[in-house]
């Protein structure tokens, strides 16, 4: 069954969030070179509009994951067991 990466889980540690091998969150803007796993986007992305009154304009979208209160989520590092 699919799990929601933005579900904080019972301990608030976001157990299904994409992680680097060291257990830190895998944000798309901070993964090391050569990492090939899943990542989570954050920050502002721009999309060019085609058609309509704003044709050709760049529109900014904040793609930072947020909790129900609108605060950016910041999953903790989950130490990896050796």
C-alpha atoms as a PDB file:
ATOM      1  CA  UNK A   1       0.000   0.000   0.000  1.00  0.00           C
ATOM      2  CA  UNK A   2       1.412   3.438  -0.876  1.00  0.00           C
ATOM      3  CA  UNK A   3       2.531   5.605   2.025  1.00  0.00           C
ATOM      4  CA  UNK A   4       2.341   9.401   2.161  1.00  0.00           C
ATOM      5  CA  UNK A   5       5.807  10.976   2.397  1.00  0.00           C
ATOM      6  CA  UNK A   6       4.265  13.985   4.167  1.00  0.00           C
ATOM      7  CA  UNK A   7       2.565  11.905   6.884  1.00  0.00           C
ATOM      8  CA  UNK A   8       4.371  12.841  10.125  1.00  0.00           C
ATOM      9  CA  UNK A   9       3.789   9.374  11.594  1.00  0.00           C
ATOM     10  CA  UNK A  10       3.164   8.610  15.265  1.00  0.00           C
ATOM     11  CA  UNK A  11       6.551   9.990  16.380  1.00  0.00           C
ATOM     12  CA  UNK A  12       6.637  13.078  14.149  1.00  0.00           C
ATOM     13  CA  UNK A  13       9.685  11.764  12.279  1.00  0.00           C
ATOM     14  CA  UNK A  14       8.088  11.476   8.794  1.00  0.00           C
ATOM     15  CA  UNK A  15       9.028   7.787   8.393  1.00  0.00           C
ATOM     16  CA  UNK A  16       8.158   7.626   4.668  1.00  0.00           C
ATOM     17  CA  UNK A  17       9.954  10.826   3.613  1.00  0.00           C
ATOM     18  CA  UNK A  18      12.715  10.271   0.994  1.00  0.00           C
ATOM     19  CA  UNK A  19      16.057   9.909   2.786  1.00  0.00           C
ATOM     20  CA  UNK A  20      19.725   9.831   1.920  1.00  0.00           C
ATOM     21  CA  UNK A  21      21.787   6.796   3.005  1.00  0.00           C
ATOM     22  CA  UNK A  22      22.794   8.642   6.209  1.00  0.00           C
ATOM     23  CA  UNK A  23      19.119   9.107   7.185  1.00  0.00           C
ATOM     24  CA  UNK A  24      18.904  12.833   6.410  1.00  0.00           C
ATOM     25  CA  UNK A  25      15.987  14.183   4.341  1.00  0.00           C
ATOM     26  CA  UNK A  26      16.545  13.940   0.572  1.00  0.00           C
ATOM     27  CA  UNK A  27      15.672  17.460  -0.573  1.00  0.00           C
ATOM     28  CA  UNK A  28      16.114  17.952  -4.329  1.00  0.00           C
ATOM     29  CA  UNK A  29      18.298  21.031  -3.796  1.00  0.00           C
ATOM     30  CA  UNK A  30      20.757  19.388  -1.414  1.00  0.00           C
ATOM     31  CA  UNK A  31      21.409  15.802  -2.542  1.00  0.00           C
ATOM     32  CA  UNK A  32      25.000  14.789  -3.249  1.00  0.00           C
ATOM     33  CA  UNK A  33      26.272  14.245  -6.780  1.00  0.00           C
ATOM     34  CA  UNK A  34      25.582  10.710  -7.912  1.00  0.00           C
ATOM     35  CA  UNK A  35      22.539  10.141  -5.668  1.00  0.00           C
ATOM     36  CA  UNK A  36      19.912   8.232  -7.656  1.00  0.00           C
ATOM     37  CA  UNK A  37      17.113   7.762  -5.124  1.00  0.00           C
ATOM     38  CA  UNK A  38      13.842   9.633  -4.680  1.00  0.00           C
ATOM     39  CA  UNK A  39      13.952  13.292  -3.686  1.00  0.00           C
ATOM     40  CA  UNK A  40      11.467  15.882  -2.419  1.00  0.00           C
ATOM     41  CA  UNK A  41      11.269  19.246  -4.131  1.00  0.00           C
ATOM     42  CA  UNK A  42      11.123  22.487  -2.147  1.00  0.00           C
ATOM     43  CA  UNK A  43      11.444  26.201  -2.770  1.00  0.00           C
ATOM     44  CA  UNK A  44      10.071  28.206  -5.683  1.00  0.00           C
ATOM     45  CA  UNK A  45       9.678  26.828  -9.193  1.00  0.00           C
ATOM     46  CA  UNK A  46       8.698  28.837 -12.239  1.00  0.00           C
ATOM     47  CA  UNK A  47       6.340  27.761 -15.020  1.00  0.00           C
ATOM     48  CA  UNK A  48       5.805  29.643 -18.267  1.00  0.00           C
ATOM     49  CA  UNK A  49       2.118  30.193 -19.082  1.00  0.00           C
ATOM     50  CA  UNK A  50       0.932  29.461 -22.602  1.00  0.00           C
ATOM     51  CA  UNK A  51      -2.406  30.846 -23.747  1.00  0.00           C
ATOM     52  CA  UNK A  52      -4.786  33.284 -22.150  1.00  0.00           C
ATOM     53  CA  UNK A  53      -4.179  36.789 -20.859  1.00  0.00           C
ATOM     54  CA  UNK A  54      -0.870  35.837 -19.198  1.00  0.00           C
ATOM     55  CA  UNK A  55       0.615  34.085 -22.253  1.00  0.00           C
ATOM     56  CA  UNK A  56       4.395  34.018 -21.980  1.00  0.00           C
ATOM     57  CA  UNK A  57       4.501  35.084 -18.317  1.00  0.00           C
ATOM     58  CA  UNK A  58       6.490  33.178 -15.724  1.00  0.00           C
ATOM     59  CA  UNK A  59       4.389  32.167 -12.727  1.00  0.00           C
ATOM     60  CA  UNK A  60       6.064  31.264  -9.427  1.00  0.00           C
ATOM     61  CA  UNK A  61       4.890  28.261  -7.415  1.00  0.00           C
ATOM     62  CA  UNK A  62       6.092  27.517  -3.892  1.00  0.00           C
ATOM     63  CA  UNK A  63       6.504  23.723  -3.874  1.00  0.00           C
ATOM     64  CA  UNK A  64       7.766  23.501  -0.279  1.00  0.00           C
ATOM     65  CA  UNK A  65       5.813  20.793   1.591  1.00  0.00           C
ATOM     66  CA  UNK A  66       3.796  22.263   4.456  1.00  0.00           C
ATOM     67  CA  UNK A  67       1.868  20.913   7.411  1.00  0.00           C
ATOM     68  CA  UNK A  68      -1.818  21.547   8.085  1.00  0.00           C
ATOM     69  CA  UNK A  69      -0.992  24.885   9.759  1.00  0.00           C
ATOM     70  CA  UNK A  70       0.961  26.073   6.704  1.00  0.00           C
ATOM     71  CA  UNK A  71       4.406  25.705   8.265  1.00  0.00           C
ATOM     72  CA  UNK A  72       7.193  24.187   6.141  1.00  0.00           C
ATOM     73  CA  UNK A  73       7.921  20.642   7.245  1.00  0.00           C
ATOM     74  CA  UNK A  74      11.443  19.783   8.298  1.00  0.00           C
ATOM     75  CA  UNK A  75      11.832  16.024   8.800  1.00  0.00           C
ATOM     76  CA  UNK A  76      14.517  15.096  11.308  1.00  0.00           C
ATOM     77  CA  UNK A  77      17.511  12.916  10.505  1.00  0.00           C
ATOM     78  CA  UNK A  78      16.733   9.284  11.276  1.00  0.00           C
ATOM     79  CA  UNK A  79      20.029   7.616  12.237  1.00  0.00           C
ATOM     80  CA  UNK A  80      20.678   4.501  10.183  1.00  0.00           C
ATOM     81  CA  UNK A  81      21.243   1.235  12.005  1.00  0.00           C
ATOM     82  CA  UNK A  82      24.493  -0.430  10.967  1.00  0.00           C
END
